[in-house]
Protein backbone atom coordinates (compact mmCIF):
# COMPACT_ATOMS: atom_id res chain seq x y z
CA MET A 1 11.21 -28.57 -10.01
CA LYS A 2 10.93 -24.86 -9.22
CA LYS A 3 10.36 -23.68 -5.69
CA LYS A 4 6.83 -22.38 -5.01
CA VAL A 5 6.23 -18.84 -3.82
CA ILE A 6 2.92 -17.19 -3.02
CA CYS A 7 2.60 -13.42 -3.37
CA ILE A 8 -0.34 -11.82 -1.56
CA ASP A 9 -0.92 -8.15 -2.31
CA ARG A 10 -4.08 -6.25 -3.19
CA SER A 11 -2.18 -4.54 -6.02
CA ASN A 12 -2.22 -6.41 -9.30
CA ALA A 13 0.86 -4.41 -10.32
CA ILE A 14 2.89 -5.66 -7.33
CA CYS A 15 1.82 -9.26 -7.97
CA PHE A 16 2.74 -8.91 -11.65
CA LEU A 17 6.13 -7.39 -10.74
CA VAL A 18 6.93 -10.19 -8.28
CA LYS A 19 5.88 -12.86 -10.79
CA THR A 20 7.95 -11.25 -13.53
CA VAL A 21 11.17 -10.89 -11.54
CA LEU A 22 11.01 -14.34 -9.92
CA LYS A 23 9.61 -16.49 -12.75
CA SER A 24 12.98 -17.77 -13.96
CA ASN A 25 13.71 -19.59 -10.69
CA TYR A 26 10.32 -19.90 -8.98
CA GLN A 27 6.74 -20.91 -9.57
CA VAL A 28 4.89 -17.81 -8.37
CA LEU A 29 1.22 -17.90 -7.42
CA SER A 30 -0.49 -14.65 -6.54
CA GLU A 31 -3.72 -13.42 -5.04
CA GLN A 32 -5.19 -9.96 -4.48
CA ASN A 33 -8.28 -11.03 -2.49
CA SER A 34 -7.69 -11.77 1.20
CA MET A 35 -10.27 -14.57 1.48
CA LYS A 36 -9.01 -16.27 -1.67
CA ALA A 37 -5.45 -15.85 -0.41
CA ILE A 38 -6.17 -17.98 2.67
CA GLU A 39 -7.72 -20.61 0.41
CA LEU A 40 -4.68 -20.47 -1.89
CA LEU A 41 -2.35 -20.94 1.09
CA HIS A 42 -4.21 -23.99 2.33
CA ASN A 43 -4.48 -25.54 -1.12
CA ASN A 44 -0.69 -25.18 -1.55
CA GLN A 45 0.81 -26.25 1.75
CA GLN A 46 4.16 -27.11 0.19
CA ILE A 47 5.19 -23.47 -0.12
CA ASP A 48 8.82 -22.41 -0.10
CA ALA A 49 8.15 -18.73 0.67
CA ILE A 50 5.33 -16.24 1.17
CA ILE A 51 5.52 -12.61 0.08
CA LEU A 52 2.84 -10.64 1.91
CA SER A 53 1.79 -7.02 1.80
CA ILE A 54 0.53 -5.32 4.97
CA ASP A 55 -0.59 -1.72 4.54
CA SER A 56 -2.51 -0.73 7.66
CA GLU A 57 -3.43 -2.00 11.10
CA THR A 58 -7.02 -2.57 10.00
CA ASP A 59 -5.96 -4.30 6.81
CA GLU A 60 -7.48 -7.75 6.23
CA PHE A 61 -4.03 -8.81 5.07
CA ASN A 62 -2.99 -8.37 8.70
CA GLU A 63 -5.33 -11.27 9.45
CA ILE A 64 -3.55 -13.37 6.85
CA PHE A 65 -0.24 -12.56 8.54
CA HIS A 66 -1.68 -13.60 11.91
CA HIS A 67 -2.99 -16.80 10.33
CA ILE A 68 0.40 -17.62 8.80
CA SER A 69 2.16 -16.79 12.07
CA THR A 70 0.00 -19.08 14.19
CA SER A 71 -0.54 -21.98 11.80
CA THR A 72 1.58 -25.10 12.20
CA PHE A 73 1.39 -25.61 8.43
CA PHE A 74 3.51 -22.50 7.87
CA SER A 75 5.72 -22.57 10.96
CA SER A 76 8.88 -23.07 8.91
CA THR A 77 7.88 -21.10 5.82
CA PRO A 78 9.93 -17.94 5.23
CA VAL A 79 7.82 -14.78 4.98
CA ILE A 80 8.80 -11.55 3.26
CA ILE A 81 6.78 -8.47 4.20
CA LEU A 82 6.04 -5.58 1.84
CA SER A 83 4.72 -2.48 3.59
CA GLU A 84 4.62 1.30 3.58
CA SER A 85 4.09 1.49 7.35
CA GLU A 86 7.23 1.56 9.49
CA GLU A 87 5.22 0.57 12.58
CA LEU A 88 3.84 -2.53 10.87
CA GLN A 89 7.28 -3.36 9.52
CA LYS A 90 8.69 -3.36 13.04
CA LEU A 91 5.83 -5.49 14.38
CA ALA A 92 6.12 -7.97 11.51
CA ALA A 93 9.89 -8.26 11.94
CA LYS A 94 9.37 -9.64 15.44
CA ASN A 95 7.77 -12.75 13.96
CA GLN A 96 10.19 -15.68 13.68
CA ASN A 97 9.10 -16.53 10.11
CA VAL A 98 9.85 -13.06 8.71
CA ILE A 99 13.20 -13.09 6.94
CA ALA A 100 12.94 -9.63 5.37
CA VAL A 101 10.88 -6.48 5.30
CA PHE A 102 10.71 -4.32 2.19
CA THR A 103 9.44 -0.75 2.20
CA LYS A 104 7.17 0.01 -0.73
CA PRO A 105 8.25 0.94 -3.32
CA PHE A 106 10.98 -1.69 -3.25
CA ASP A 107 13.89 -2.62 -5.49
CA PRO A 108 13.03 -5.82 -7.40
CA LEU A 109 16.74 -6.71 -7.66
CA GLU A 110 16.99 -6.76 -3.86
CA LEU A 111 14.01 -9.13 -3.77
CA ILE A 112 15.60 -11.44 -6.35
CA ASN A 113 18.91 -11.49 -4.47
CA LEU A 114 17.23 -12.17 -1.14
CA MET A 115 15.05 -14.94 -2.57
CA ASN A 116 18.01 -16.61 -4.22
CA GLU A 117 20.17 -16.32 -1.10
CA GLN A 118 17.57 -17.32 1.50
CA VAL A 119 15.12 -19.56 -0.34
CA LEU A 120 16.74 -21.03 -3.44
CA ASN A 121 20.24 -21.69 -2.10
CA ASN A 122 19.61 -22.27 1.60
CA VAL A 123 16.85 -24.85 1.57
CA GLU A 124 17.97 -26.49 4.80
CA THR A 125 18.52 -23.29 6.79
CA GLN A 126 16.38 -22.98 9.90
CA ILE A 127 14.17 -19.90 10.09
CA LEU A 128 15.42 -18.96 13.55
CA SER A 129 19.02 -18.79 12.42
CA ARG A 130 18.29 -16.38 9.56
CA LYS A 131 19.14 -12.74 9.88
CA ARG A 132 16.22 -10.43 9.29
CA LYS A 133 16.87 -7.82 6.65
CA PHE A 134 15.25 -4.45 6.11
CA PHE A 135 15.23 -2.88 2.67
CA HIS A 136 14.47 0.78 1.99
CA LEU A 137 14.84 2.71 -1.26
CA ASN A 138 16.83 5.89 -0.82
């Protein structure tokens, strides 16, 4: 059975891209609406990874990140952050669940490699022992 990943981004294009590049190894669910995203998370508590976009400090997706960070349901779920804001990237990286931060626009091949290395192949790895990675397009 494929590992389950949830992609939360207000951009339909980003969600489509993530689904397309990960579909061979993962079941990818996506949501663009913040309220529906929280519902999706709670209806799918057996999640292997969460890919979450955070674009501004006032962004409602920031609330989703806070919810994921403080919920016991997701305490061992790896989170990958997509963001244009360097400040938010630094804040998100301090969270123990965050395994990587990608600057938008990001390289889909880097995402595939990270997912396969950290999620697909290292199922038993503890979140705290993972190195956080930052990805920037040059």
